[in-house]
Amino acid sequence: MFFKYLSRNTITLVIATVVGIGSLSLVNFALKSRIEDAQANALRQTIVNLGQAFPTSNYDNDVSKSCYVPKEGAYDLADPKVNTLMLATKDGKITGYILISSTWKGYEGLIRTMLVTDAQGEIKAVRILQQNETPGLGNKVITTDWVHSFDNLPLAQAKLPYLAVKKDGGQIDEFTGATITPRAIVNQIRENMQVVIADLVHNPQALQEKFVPCSVQGDQ
């Protein structure tokens, strides 16, 4: 009965709108898949590029597919936010943790990092995945060798007073005129080490109790 009172032009317009929305949804889905694939490939390459810090001989799995996210409320961290945990395994045994997290305490806001440790929690590498810090000042975290300040730091030393910038009484250098950026990253790494990595290393059930596979989250 409803369609009897609609003009032909109105019906045509409704059909065109529905078709247009459907087409746009398909395009968005295709673009989202391409973006996710590109991000996954970039992440794999970043891990491979770690070289001797975390050589490919350390694992025989596709690390990017051994992906987990923390359950809601699993770690009471307002900042940094734990985004993704990936496992490196060899012969079925965990050989390393790759933790991606983000902090909004950079000078220009968001800084996203990748923390790589071995199975005992020793830091093998830290990489900055995203930042918008001031060129020549805060962005020295990516234009210098500063990130290597964390290399081979054992879990037992990933705490105060050691793991802090020198201005805060620690051992990690800051940059002249730019303390906010390195402080944000150092504090981010320290929190991740003390709360998340320490839990995974010392509590064998932490992975099952506090994380879900990325695919499960995506299905919800």
N, C-alpha and C. Protein backbone atom coordinates (compact mmCIF):
# COMPACT_ATOMS: atom_id res chain seq x y z
N MET A 1 0.81 -1.20 0.00
CA MET A 1 0.00 0.00 0.00
C MET A 1 0.85 1.26 0.00
N PHE A 2 1.99 1.20 0.73
CA PHE A 2 2.84 2.38 0.85
C PHE A 2 3.33 2.86 -0.51
N PHE A 3 3.79 1.91 -1.35
CA PHE A 3 4.38 2.29 -2.63
C PHE A 3 3.34 2.89 -3.58
N LYS A 4 2.04 2.65 -3.33
CA LYS A 4 1.00 3.18 -4.21
C LYS A 4 0.96 4.70 -4.17
N TYR A 5 1.40 5.28 -3.04
CA TYR A 5 1.33 6.73 -2.86
C TYR A 5 2.65 7.43 -3.22
N LEU A 6 3.60 6.68 -3.68
CA LEU A 6 4.87 7.27 -4.08
C LEU A 6 4.91 7.48 -5.59
N SER A 7 5.50 8.58 -5.99
CA SER A 7 5.65 8.83 -7.42
C SER A 7 6.76 7.96 -7.97
N ARG A 8 6.77 7.80 -9.27
CA ARG A 8 7.82 7.00 -9.91
C ARG A 8 9.19 7.59 -9.63
N ASN A 9 9.30 8.94 -9.66
CA ASN A 9 10.60 9.58 -9.41
C ASN A 9 11.08 9.31 -7.99
N THR A 10 10.13 9.32 -7.04
CA THR A 10 10.50 9.08 -5.65
C THR A 10 11.02 7.67 -5.47
N ILE A 11 10.30 6.70 -6.09
CA ILE A 11 10.74 5.30 -5.99
C ILE A 11 12.12 5.13 -6.61
N THR A 12 12.34 5.77 -7.76
CA THR A 12 13.64 5.69 -8.43
C THR A 12 14.74 6.26 -7.54
N LEU A 13 14.42 7.37 -6.87
CA LEU A 13 15.40 8.01 -5.99
C LEU A 13 15.73 7.11 -4.80
N VAL A 14 14.69 6.46 -4.23
CA VAL A 14 14.92 5.56 -3.10
C VAL A 14 15.80 4.39 -3.51
N ILE A 15 15.49 3.80 -4.68
CA ILE A 15 16.28 2.66 -5.15
C ILE A 15 17.72 3.08 -5.40
N ALA A 16 17.91 4.25 -6.02
CA ALA A 16 19.26 4.73 -6.31
C ALA A 16 20.05 4.97 -5.02
N THR A 17 19.35 5.49 -4.00
CA THR A 17 20.00 5.75 -2.71
C THR A 17 20.45 4.45 -2.05
N VAL A 18 19.56 3.45 -2.07
CA VAL A 18 19.89 2.15 -1.48
C VAL A 18 21.07 1.52 -2.19
N VAL A 19 21.05 1.55 -3.53
CA VAL A 19 22.15 0.99 -4.31
C VAL A 19 23.45 1.73 -4.02
N GLY A 20 23.34 3.08 -3.93
CA GLY A 20 24.54 3.87 -3.66
C GLY A 20 25.15 3.56 -2.31
N ILE A 21 24.28 3.41 -1.29
CA ILE A 21 24.78 3.08 0.05
C ILE A 21 25.45 1.70 0.05
N GLY A 22 24.81 0.75 -0.65
CA GLY A 22 25.39 -0.59 -0.73
C GLY A 22 26.74 -0.58 -1.42
N SER A 23 26.86 0.18 -2.50
CA SER A 23 28.13 0.26 -3.23
C SER A 23 29.21 0.90 -2.37
N LEU A 24 28.82 1.98 -1.65
CA LEU A 24 29.78 2.66 -0.79
C LEU A 24 30.27 1.75 0.31
N SER A 25 29.38 0.93 0.86
CA SER A 25 29.77 -0.02 1.91
C SER A 25 30.77 -1.03 1.38
N LEU A 26 30.54 -1.51 0.15
CA LEU A 26 31.47 -2.47 -0.44
C LEU A 26 32.84 -1.85 -0.67
N VAL A 27 32.85 -0.59 -1.14
CA VAL A 27 34.11 0.11 -1.38
C VAL A 27 34.86 0.30 -0.06
N ASN A 28 34.12 0.72 0.98
CA ASN A 28 34.75 0.92 2.29
C ASN A 28 35.33 -0.38 2.83
N PHE A 29 34.61 -1.48 2.64
CA PHE A 29 35.08 -2.78 3.11
C PHE A 29 36.36 -3.18 2.37
N ALA A 30 36.37 -2.96 1.05
CA ALA A 30 37.55 -3.30 0.26
C ALA A 30 38.75 -2.45 0.66
N LEU A 31 38.52 -1.14 0.89
CA LEU A 31 39.60 -0.25 1.29
C LEU A 31 40.13 -0.63 2.67
N LYS A 32 39.21 -0.97 3.58
CA LYS A 32 39.63 -1.35 4.93
C LYS A 32 40.52 -2.59 4.88
N SER A 33 40.14 -3.56 4.05
CA SER A 33 40.95 -4.78 3.93
C SER A 33 42.33 -4.47 3.38
N ARG A 34 42.38 -3.58 2.37
CA ARG A 34 43.68 -3.21 1.78
C ARG A 34 44.55 -2.50 2.80
N ILE A 35 43.95 -1.60 3.57
CA ILE A 35 44.70 -0.86 4.57
C ILE A 35 45.24 -1.81 5.64
N GLU A 36 44.38 -2.73 6.10
CA GLU A 36 44.81 -3.69 7.11
C GLU A 36 45.93 -4.59 6.59
N ASP A 37 45.84 -5.01 5.32
CA ASP A 37 46.89 -5.84 4.73
C ASP A 37 48.20 -5.06 4.64
N ALA A 38 48.10 -3.78 4.24
CA ALA A 38 49.30 -2.95 4.12
C ALA A 38 49.95 -2.74 5.49
N GLN A 39 49.12 -2.53 6.51
CA GLN A 39 49.66 -2.35 7.86
C GLN A 39 50.33 -3.62 8.37
N ALA A 40 49.72 -4.77 8.09
CA ALA A 40 50.29 -6.05 8.52
C ALA A 40 51.63 -6.30 7.82
N ASN A 41 51.69 -5.99 6.52
CA ASN A 41 52.95 -6.18 5.77
C ASN A 41 54.04 -5.25 6.28
N ALA A 42 53.65 -4.00 6.59
CA ALA A 42 54.63 -3.04 7.11
C ALA A 42 55.15 -3.51 8.47
N LEU A 43 54.27 -4.06 9.28
CA LEU A 43 54.68 -4.55 10.59
C LEU A 43 55.62 -5.74 10.47
N ARG A 44 55.30 -6.67 9.56
CA ARG A 44 56.20 -7.82 9.33
C ARG A 44 57.58 -7.33 8.93
N GLN A 45 57.63 -6.33 8.04
CA GLN A 45 58.90 -5.83 7.56
C GLN A 45 59.68 -5.14 8.68
N THR A 46 58.96 -4.42 9.55
CA THR A 46 59.61 -3.77 10.68
C THR A 46 60.26 -4.80 11.59
N ILE A 47 59.56 -5.92 11.82
CA ILE A 47 60.10 -6.98 12.66
C ILE A 47 61.32 -7.63 12.01
N VAL A 48 61.23 -7.90 10.69
CA VAL A 48 62.36 -8.47 9.96
C VAL A 48 63.56 -7.53 10.01
N ASN A 49 63.29 -6.23 9.92
CA ASN A 49 64.36 -5.23 9.89
C ASN A 49 65.06 -5.04 11.24
N LEU A 50 64.58 -5.72 12.27
CA LEU A 50 65.26 -5.65 13.55
C LEU A 50 66.65 -6.28 13.47
N GLY A 51 66.85 -7.14 12.48
CA GLY A 51 68.17 -7.72 12.24
C GLY A 51 68.69 -8.50 13.43
N GLN A 52 69.92 -8.25 13.82
CA GLN A 52 70.55 -9.00 14.89
C GLN A 52 69.95 -8.73 16.26
N ALA A 53 69.22 -7.64 16.38
CA ALA A 53 68.55 -7.37 17.66
C ALA A 53 67.54 -8.46 17.97
N PHE A 54 66.85 -8.94 16.93
CA PHE A 54 65.90 -10.04 17.09
C PHE A 54 65.85 -10.78 15.75
N PRO A 55 66.86 -11.61 15.49
CA PRO A 55 66.98 -12.25 14.17
C PRO A 55 65.85 -13.22 13.87
N THR A 56 65.61 -13.42 12.58
CA THR A 56 64.54 -14.33 12.17
C THR A 56 64.80 -15.77 12.59
N SER A 57 66.05 -16.09 12.90
CA SER A 57 66.36 -17.44 13.39
C SER A 57 65.78 -17.69 14.78
N ASN A 58 65.31 -16.62 15.44
CA ASN A 58 64.71 -16.76 16.77
C ASN A 58 63.29 -17.31 16.73
N TYR A 59 62.66 -17.31 15.55
CA TYR A 59 61.27 -17.74 15.48
C TYR A 59 60.99 -18.41 14.14
N ASP A 60 59.96 -19.28 14.13
CA ASP A 60 59.59 -19.96 12.90
C ASP A 60 58.11 -19.77 12.57
N ASN A 61 57.47 -18.82 13.26
CA ASN A 61 56.06 -18.53 12.99
C ASN A 61 55.92 -17.17 12.31
N ASP A 62 54.71 -16.89 11.79
CA ASP A 62 54.38 -15.56 11.28
C ASP A 62 53.95 -14.74 12.49
N VAL A 63 54.87 -13.95 13.01
CA VAL A 63 54.64 -13.23 14.25
C VAL A 63 53.38 -12.36 14.18
N SER A 64 53.16 -11.73 13.03
CA SER A 64 52.03 -10.81 12.90
C SER A 64 50.69 -11.53 13.03
N LYS A 65 50.68 -12.86 12.81
CA LYS A 65 49.43 -13.61 12.92
C LYS A 65 49.24 -14.23 14.29
N SER A 66 50.29 -14.21 15.11
CA SER A 66 50.16 -14.66 16.51
C SER A 66 49.81 -13.44 17.35
N CYS A 67 48.62 -12.96 17.10
CA CYS A 67 48.22 -11.62 17.55
C CYS A 67 47.15 -11.70 18.63
N TYR A 68 47.31 -10.88 19.67
CA TYR A 68 46.38 -10.84 20.78
C TYR A 68 46.11 -9.40 21.21
N VAL A 69 44.96 -9.19 21.81
CA VAL A 69 44.63 -7.90 22.41
C VAL A 69 44.20 -8.15 23.85
N PRO A 70 44.48 -7.20 24.75
CA PRO A 70 44.10 -7.41 26.15
C PRO A 70 42.59 -7.35 26.34
N LYS A 71 42.09 -8.17 27.24
CA LYS A 71 40.68 -8.09 27.60
C LYS A 71 40.42 -6.77 28.31
N GLU A 72 39.19 -6.30 28.22
CA GLU A 72 38.84 -5.05 28.86
C GLU A 72 39.09 -5.14 30.36
N GLY A 73 39.85 -4.18 30.88
CA GLY A 73 40.16 -4.15 32.30
C GLY A 73 41.28 -5.06 32.73
N ALA A 74 41.91 -5.75 31.77
CA ALA A 74 42.99 -6.68 32.14
C ALA A 74 44.17 -5.97 32.76
N TYR A 75 44.51 -4.82 32.21
CA TYR A 75 45.62 -4.03 32.74
C TYR A 75 45.12 -2.61 32.99
N ASP A 76 45.19 -2.20 34.21
CA ASP A 76 44.65 -0.90 34.61
C ASP A 76 45.64 0.21 34.29
N LEU A 77 45.83 0.45 32.99
CA LEU A 77 46.74 1.49 32.53
C LEU A 77 45.94 2.54 31.75
N ALA A 78 45.81 3.73 32.33
CA ALA A 78 45.16 4.81 31.59
C ALA A 78 46.06 5.26 30.45
N ASP A 79 47.35 5.22 30.69
CA ASP A 79 48.35 5.58 29.68
C ASP A 79 49.66 4.91 30.12
N PRO A 80 50.30 4.14 29.27
CA PRO A 80 50.00 3.92 27.85
C PRO A 80 48.87 2.91 27.65
N LYS A 81 48.30 2.95 26.47
CA LYS A 81 47.29 1.98 26.09
C LYS A 81 47.97 0.82 25.37
N VAL A 82 47.73 -0.39 25.84
CA VAL A 82 48.27 -1.58 25.18
C VAL A 82 47.36 -1.90 23.99
N ASN A 83 47.91 -1.83 22.78
CA ASN A 83 47.12 -2.07 21.58
C ASN A 83 47.15 -3.53 21.15
N THR A 84 48.36 -4.08 20.99
CA THR A 84 48.49 -5.42 20.43
C THR A 84 49.69 -6.13 21.03
N LEU A 85 49.51 -7.42 21.28
CA LEU A 85 50.61 -8.29 21.69
C LEU A 85 50.79 -9.36 20.62
N MET A 86 52.02 -9.57 20.18
CA MET A 86 52.33 -10.65 19.26
C MET A 86 53.39 -11.55 19.87
N LEU A 87 53.30 -12.82 19.54
CA LEU A 87 54.24 -13.79 20.08
C LEU A 87 55.18 -14.29 19.00
N ALA A 88 56.45 -14.35 19.32
CA ALA A 88 57.43 -15.05 18.48
C ALA A 88 57.61 -16.43 19.08
N THR A 89 57.50 -17.45 18.26
CA THR A 89 57.66 -18.82 18.77
C THR A 89 58.59 -19.62 17.87
N LYS A 90 59.21 -20.62 18.46
CA LYS A 90 60.04 -21.55 17.70
C LYS A 90 59.81 -22.95 18.26
N ASP A 91 59.49 -23.87 17.37
CA ASP A 91 59.15 -25.24 17.78
C ASP A 91 58.05 -25.24 18.84
N GLY A 92 57.12 -24.28 18.70
CA GLY A 92 55.98 -24.22 19.61
C GLY A 92 56.23 -23.54 20.93
N LYS A 93 57.46 -23.07 21.17
CA LYS A 93 57.78 -22.41 22.43
C LYS A 93 57.96 -20.91 22.22
N ILE A 94 57.47 -20.12 23.18
CA ILE A 94 57.60 -18.67 23.07
C ILE A 94 59.06 -18.26 23.18
N THR A 95 59.50 -17.48 22.21
CA THR A 95 60.88 -16.97 22.21
C THR A 95 60.92 -15.44 22.35
N GLY A 96 59.78 -14.80 22.24
CA GLY A 96 59.78 -13.36 22.36
C GLY A 96 58.38 -12.78 22.38
N TYR A 97 58.30 -11.55 22.90
CA TYR A 97 57.06 -10.79 22.94
C TYR A 97 57.24 -9.50 22.16
N ILE A 98 56.27 -9.16 21.34
CA ILE A 98 56.26 -7.90 20.62
C ILE A 98 55.02 -7.16 21.04
N LEU A 99 55.21 -6.07 21.77
CA LEU A 99 54.09 -5.34 22.36
C LEU A 99 54.00 -3.97 21.70
N ILE A 100 52.84 -3.68 21.13
CA ILE A 100 52.59 -2.37 20.53
C ILE A 100 51.65 -1.59 21.43
N SER A 101 52.05 -0.37 21.76
CA SER A 101 51.24 0.45 22.65
C SER A 101 51.31 1.90 22.21
N SER A 102 50.45 2.72 22.80
CA SER A 102 50.40 4.13 22.43
C SER A 102 50.27 5.00 23.67
N THR A 103 50.88 6.16 23.60
CA THR A 103 50.76 7.16 24.66
C THR A 103 50.40 8.49 24.01
N TRP A 104 49.63 9.28 24.72
CA TRP A 104 49.27 10.62 24.24
C TRP A 104 50.07 11.70 24.95
N LYS A 105 51.15 11.33 25.61
CA LYS A 105 51.91 12.29 26.40
C LYS A 105 53.12 12.86 25.67
N GLY A 106 53.19 12.63 24.35
CA GLY A 106 54.23 13.28 23.57
C GLY A 106 53.97 14.78 23.47
N TYR A 107 54.97 15.51 23.06
CA TYR A 107 54.81 16.97 22.93
C TYR A 107 53.72 17.32 21.93
N GLU A 108 53.62 16.51 20.87
CA GLU A 108 52.59 16.72 19.86
C GLU A 108 51.52 15.63 19.91
N GLY A 109 51.38 14.98 21.05
CA GLY A 109 50.30 14.01 21.18
C GLY A 109 50.74 12.56 21.02
N LEU A 110 50.07 11.84 20.13
CA LEU A 110 50.22 10.39 20.02
C LEU A 110 51.63 9.94 19.63
N ILE A 111 52.15 8.98 20.39
CA ILE A 111 53.38 8.27 20.04
C ILE A 111 53.07 6.78 20.17
N ARG A 112 53.31 6.03 19.10
CA ARG A 112 53.05 4.58 19.12
C ARG A 112 54.38 3.85 19.02
N THR A 113 54.61 2.91 19.91
CA THR A 113 55.89 2.22 19.95
C THR A 113 55.73 0.71 19.84
N MET A 114 56.81 0.08 19.45
CA MET A 114 56.89 -1.38 19.44
C MET A 114 58.02 -1.78 20.39
N LEU A 115 57.68 -2.57 21.39
CA LEU A 115 58.63 -3.07 22.37
C LEU A 115 58.85 -4.55 22.10
N VAL A 116 60.11 -4.94 21.91
CA VAL A 116 60.44 -6.34 21.61
C VAL A 116 61.31 -6.88 22.73
N THR A 117 60.88 -7.99 23.33
CA THR A 117 61.68 -8.63 24.37
C THR A 117 61.86 -10.11 24.04
N ASP A 118 62.80 -10.75 24.72
CA ASP A 118 62.91 -12.19 24.59
C ASP A 118 61.95 -12.83 25.60
N ALA A 119 61.97 -14.15 25.70
CA ALA A 119 61.01 -14.85 26.56
C ALA A 119 61.24 -14.56 28.04
N GLN A 120 62.43 -14.10 28.39
CA GLN A 120 62.72 -13.78 29.79
C GLN A 120 62.44 -12.30 30.11
N GLY A 121 61.99 -11.55 29.12
CA GLY A 121 61.64 -10.16 29.35
C GLY A 121 62.77 -9.17 29.13
N GLU A 122 63.91 -9.62 28.62
CA GLU A 122 64.99 -8.69 28.32
C GLU A 122 64.66 -7.92 27.04
N ILE A 123 64.81 -6.62 27.09
CA ILE A 123 64.50 -5.80 25.92
C ILE A 123 65.52 -6.05 24.82
N LYS A 124 65.03 -6.41 23.65
CA LYS A 124 65.89 -6.61 22.49
C LYS A 124 65.85 -5.40 21.55
N ALA A 125 64.71 -4.72 21.53
CA ALA A 125 64.60 -3.56 20.64
C ALA A 125 63.38 -2.74 21.01
N VAL A 126 63.48 -1.45 20.75
CA VAL A 126 62.34 -0.52 20.82
C VAL A 126 62.31 0.24 19.50
N ARG A 127 61.14 0.33 18.91
CA ARG A 127 60.99 1.09 17.67
C ARG A 127 59.79 2.03 17.78
N ILE A 128 59.94 3.20 17.19
CA ILE A 128 58.85 4.18 17.17
C ILE A 128 58.07 3.98 15.87
N LEU A 129 56.82 3.59 16.00
CA LEU A 129 56.00 3.31 14.82
C LEU A 129 55.26 4.55 14.33
N GLN A 130 54.97 5.47 15.23
CA GLN A 130 54.22 6.67 14.85
C GLN A 130 54.54 7.80 15.81
N GLN A 131 54.77 8.98 15.27
CA GLN A 131 55.04 10.16 16.10
C GLN A 131 54.86 11.41 15.24
N ASN A 132 54.60 12.51 15.90
CA ASN A 132 54.45 13.79 15.20
C ASN A 132 55.25 14.87 15.91
N GLU A 133 56.39 14.46 16.47
CA GLU A 133 57.16 15.38 17.29
C GLU A 133 57.91 16.42 16.46
N THR A 134 58.36 17.47 17.11
CA THR A 134 58.98 18.61 16.45
C THR A 134 60.27 18.21 15.74
N PRO A 135 60.38 18.48 14.43
CA PRO A 135 61.62 18.17 13.70
C PRO A 135 62.83 18.86 14.34
N GLY A 136 63.90 18.11 14.49
CA GLY A 136 65.12 18.65 15.06
C GLY A 136 65.15 18.65 16.57
N LEU A 137 64.02 18.36 17.21
CA LEU A 137 63.96 18.30 18.67
C LEU A 137 63.42 16.93 19.08
N GLY A 138 62.11 16.87 19.31
CA GLY A 138 61.52 15.61 19.76
C GLY A 138 61.67 14.46 18.78
N ASN A 139 61.70 14.78 17.48
CA ASN A 139 61.77 13.69 16.51
C ASN A 139 63.16 13.07 16.42
N LYS A 140 64.09 13.52 17.28
CA LYS A 140 65.39 12.87 17.35
C LYS A 140 65.26 11.42 17.84
N VAL A 141 64.09 11.09 18.40
CA VAL A 141 63.87 9.70 18.82
C VAL A 141 63.87 8.76 17.62
N ILE A 142 63.65 9.30 16.40
CA ILE A 142 63.70 8.46 15.21
C ILE A 142 64.85 8.83 14.27
N THR A 143 65.45 10.00 14.46
CA THR A 143 66.52 10.42 13.55
C THR A 143 67.91 10.16 14.12
N THR A 144 67.98 9.67 15.36
CA THR A 144 69.26 9.34 15.98
C THR A 144 69.21 7.89 16.46
N ASP A 145 70.26 7.46 17.14
CA ASP A 145 70.31 6.09 17.68
C ASP A 145 69.72 6.01 19.08
N TRP A 146 68.93 7.00 19.46
CA TRP A 146 68.42 7.08 20.83
C TRP A 146 67.66 5.82 21.26
N VAL A 147 66.88 5.22 20.36
CA VAL A 147 66.08 4.05 20.75
C VAL A 147 66.95 2.88 21.20
N HIS A 148 68.23 2.89 20.84
CA HIS A 148 69.13 1.80 21.25
C HIS A 148 69.53 1.91 22.71
N SER A 149 69.09 2.99 23.37
CA SER A 149 69.35 3.14 24.81
C SER A 149 68.71 2.00 25.60
N PHE A 150 67.68 1.37 25.03
CA PHE A 150 66.96 0.31 25.73
C PHE A 150 67.52 -1.09 25.47
N ASP A 151 68.39 -1.22 24.46
CA ASP A 151 68.84 -2.54 24.02
C ASP A 151 69.45 -3.34 25.17
N ASN A 152 69.01 -4.61 25.26
CA ASN A 152 69.57 -5.59 26.21
C ASN A 152 69.33 -5.22 27.68
N LEU A 153 68.33 -4.39 27.92
CA LEU A 153 67.99 -4.06 29.30
C LEU A 153 67.18 -5.21 29.90
N PRO A 154 67.68 -5.84 30.97
CA PRO A 154 66.95 -6.96 31.57
C PRO A 154 65.70 -6.51 32.29
N LEU A 155 64.77 -7.42 32.44
CA LEU A 155 63.50 -7.11 33.09
C LEU A 155 63.72 -6.56 34.49
N ALA A 156 64.70 -7.08 35.20
CA ALA A 156 64.94 -6.66 36.58
C ALA A 156 65.33 -5.19 36.69
N GLN A 157 65.86 -4.60 35.61
CA GLN A 157 66.26 -3.20 35.63
C GLN A 157 65.23 -2.28 34.98
N ALA A 158 64.13 -2.85 34.53
CA ALA A 158 63.11 -2.04 33.86
C ALA A 158 62.20 -1.38 34.89
N LYS A 159 62.80 -0.57 35.75
CA LYS A 159 62.05 0.06 36.84
C LYS A 159 62.79 1.33 37.25
N LEU A 160 62.16 2.11 38.11
CA LEU A 160 62.83 3.26 38.69
C LEU A 160 63.87 2.76 39.70
N PRO A 161 64.99 3.46 39.87
CA PRO A 161 65.31 4.72 39.23
C PRO A 161 65.97 4.59 37.86
N TYR A 162 66.36 3.36 37.44
CA TYR A 162 67.14 3.23 36.22
C TYR A 162 66.36 3.67 34.99
N LEU A 163 65.20 3.12 34.78
CA LEU A 163 64.49 3.37 33.53
C LEU A 163 63.65 4.65 33.62
N ALA A 164 64.37 5.75 33.49
CA ALA A 164 63.78 7.09 33.47
C ALA A 164 64.79 8.00 32.78
N VAL A 165 64.34 9.14 32.30
CA VAL A 165 65.28 10.08 31.71
C VAL A 165 66.14 10.69 32.82
N LYS A 166 67.31 11.17 32.46
CA LYS A 166 68.25 11.67 33.47
C LYS A 166 67.67 12.82 34.28
N LYS A 167 66.82 13.65 33.65
CA LYS A 167 66.23 14.76 34.39
C LYS A 167 65.32 14.27 35.51
N ASP A 168 64.84 13.02 35.38
CA ASP A 168 63.99 12.43 36.42
C ASP A 168 64.78 11.48 37.32
N GLY A 169 66.12 11.53 37.22
CA GLY A 169 66.95 10.71 38.08
C GLY A 169 67.34 9.36 37.50
N GLY A 170 66.99 9.12 36.23
CA GLY A 170 67.29 7.85 35.59
C GLY A 170 68.57 7.86 34.78
N GLN A 171 68.70 6.86 33.88
CA GLN A 171 69.92 6.68 33.11
C GLN A 171 69.75 6.93 31.61
N ILE A 172 68.55 7.29 31.18
CA ILE A 172 68.29 7.46 29.75
C ILE A 172 68.41 8.93 29.37
N ASP A 173 69.17 9.20 28.32
CA ASP A 173 69.38 10.58 27.88
C ASP A 173 68.09 11.20 27.35
N GLU A 174 67.95 12.51 27.60
CA GLU A 174 66.94 13.28 26.90
C GLU A 174 67.67 14.18 25.91
N PHE A 175 66.96 15.05 25.22
CA PHE A 175 67.58 15.94 24.25
C PHE A 175 67.52 17.37 24.77
N THR A 176 68.54 18.14 24.47
CA THR A 176 68.54 19.54 24.87
C THR A 176 67.33 20.25 24.30
N GLY A 177 66.52 20.82 25.17
CA GLY A 177 65.33 21.54 24.71
C GLY A 177 64.16 20.64 24.39
N ALA A 178 64.30 19.34 24.62
CA ALA A 178 63.21 18.41 24.30
C ALA A 178 63.24 17.23 25.26
N THR A 179 62.61 17.41 26.40
CA THR A 179 62.54 16.34 27.39
C THR A 179 61.22 15.60 27.33
N ILE A 180 60.16 16.28 26.91
CA ILE A 180 58.82 15.70 26.96
C ILE A 180 58.72 14.43 26.13
N THR A 181 59.28 14.45 24.92
CA THR A 181 59.16 13.29 24.03
C THR A 181 59.88 12.07 24.59
N PRO A 182 61.18 12.16 24.90
CA PRO A 182 61.85 10.97 25.45
C PRO A 182 61.25 10.52 26.78
N ARG A 183 60.81 11.47 27.60
CA ARG A 183 60.17 11.08 28.87
C ARG A 183 58.91 10.27 28.61
N ALA A 184 58.10 10.69 27.66
CA ALA A 184 56.86 9.97 27.35
C ALA A 184 57.15 8.54 26.91
N ILE A 185 58.19 8.38 26.08
CA ILE A 185 58.53 7.04 25.58
C ILE A 185 59.14 6.18 26.68
N VAL A 186 60.06 6.74 27.45
CA VAL A 186 60.68 5.97 28.53
C VAL A 186 59.63 5.52 29.54
N ASN A 187 58.75 6.43 29.94
CA ASN A 187 57.70 6.06 30.89
C ASN A 187 56.77 5.00 30.31
N GLN A 188 56.51 5.11 29.02
CA GLN A 188 55.67 4.12 28.33
C GLN A 188 56.32 2.74 28.37
N ILE A 189 57.59 2.69 28.05
CA ILE A 189 58.31 1.41 28.04
C ILE A 189 58.38 0.83 29.45
N ARG A 190 58.65 1.67 30.44
CA ARG A 190 58.76 1.19 31.82
C ARG A 190 57.42 0.59 32.30
N GLU A 191 56.33 1.29 32.03
CA GLU A 191 55.02 0.78 32.44
C GLU A 191 54.71 -0.55 31.76
N ASN A 192 54.99 -0.63 30.47
CA ASN A 192 54.74 -1.86 29.73
C ASN A 192 55.57 -3.02 30.27
N MET A 193 56.82 -2.74 30.61
CA MET A 193 57.70 -3.78 31.13
C MET A 193 57.24 -4.25 32.50
N GLN A 194 56.94 -3.31 33.39
CA GLN A 194 56.61 -3.66 34.75
C GLN A 194 55.24 -4.33 34.87
N VAL A 195 54.30 -3.89 34.04
CA VAL A 195 52.92 -4.38 34.19
C VAL A 195 52.62 -5.55 33.26
N VAL A 196 52.92 -5.39 31.96
CA VAL A 196 52.50 -6.40 30.99
C VAL A 196 53.56 -7.48 30.80
N ILE A 197 54.78 -7.08 30.43
CA ILE A 197 55.82 -8.07 30.15
C ILE A 197 56.14 -8.88 31.40
N ALA A 198 56.26 -8.23 32.55
CA ALA A 198 56.54 -8.96 33.79
C ALA A 198 55.44 -9.98 34.08
N ASP A 199 54.21 -9.62 33.81
CA ASP A 199 53.10 -10.54 34.03
C ASP A 199 53.20 -11.75 33.11
N LEU A 200 53.50 -11.50 31.83
CA LEU A 200 53.62 -12.60 30.88
C LEU A 200 54.78 -13.53 31.22
N VAL A 201 55.88 -12.96 31.68
CA VAL A 201 57.06 -13.77 32.01
C VAL A 201 56.85 -14.59 33.28
N HIS A 202 56.26 -13.96 34.29
CA HIS A 202 56.17 -14.61 35.60
C HIS A 202 54.87 -15.38 35.84
N ASN A 203 53.86 -15.10 35.03
CA ASN A 203 52.57 -15.77 35.20
C ASN A 203 52.23 -16.55 33.93
N PRO A 204 52.45 -17.85 33.91
CA PRO A 204 52.24 -18.65 32.70
C PRO A 204 50.80 -18.59 32.17
N GLN A 205 49.84 -18.26 33.02
CA GLN A 205 48.44 -18.22 32.60
C GLN A 205 48.00 -16.85 32.11
N ALA A 206 48.88 -15.86 32.14
CA ALA A 206 48.49 -14.49 31.80
C ALA A 206 47.95 -14.37 30.38
N LEU A 207 48.57 -15.10 29.45
CA LEU A 207 48.13 -14.99 28.06
C LEU A 207 46.68 -15.45 27.92
N GLN A 208 46.33 -16.57 28.55
CA GLN A 208 44.97 -17.09 28.45
C GLN A 208 43.98 -16.28 29.28
N GLU A 209 44.44 -15.78 30.43
CA GLU A 209 43.53 -15.09 31.34
C GLU A 209 43.25 -13.64 30.94
N LYS A 210 44.23 -13.00 30.30
CA LYS A 210 44.11 -11.55 30.10
C LYS A 210 44.09 -11.09 28.65
N PHE A 211 44.23 -12.03 27.71
CA PHE A 211 44.25 -11.67 26.30
C PHE A 211 43.28 -12.54 25.51
N VAL A 212 42.84 -12.00 24.38
CA VAL A 212 42.06 -12.79 23.42
C VAL A 212 42.72 -12.62 22.06
N PRO A 213 42.61 -13.62 21.18
CA PRO A 213 43.17 -13.48 19.84
C PRO A 213 42.55 -12.29 19.10
N CYS A 214 43.35 -11.62 18.28
CA CYS A 214 42.86 -10.47 17.52
C CYS A 214 41.64 -10.84 16.69
N SER A 215 41.63 -12.05 16.13
CA SER A 215 40.51 -12.48 15.29
C SER A 215 39.21 -12.54 16.08
N VAL A 216 39.28 -12.91 17.36
CA VAL A 216 38.09 -12.98 18.20
C VAL A 216 37.54 -11.58 18.43
N GLN A 217 38.43 -10.63 18.70
CA GLN A 217 37.99 -9.25 18.89
C GLN A 217 37.33 -8.72 17.63
N GLY A 218 37.92 -9.05 16.48
CA GLY A 218 37.38 -8.55 15.21
C GLY A 218 36.02 -9.11 14.90
N ASP A 219 35.69 -10.30 15.45
CA ASP A 219 34.39 -10.93 15.18
C ASP A 219 33.29 -10.40 16.06
N GLN A 220 33.68 -9.66 17.12
CA GLN A 220 32.66 -9.19 18.06
C GLN A 220 31.92 -7.98 17.54
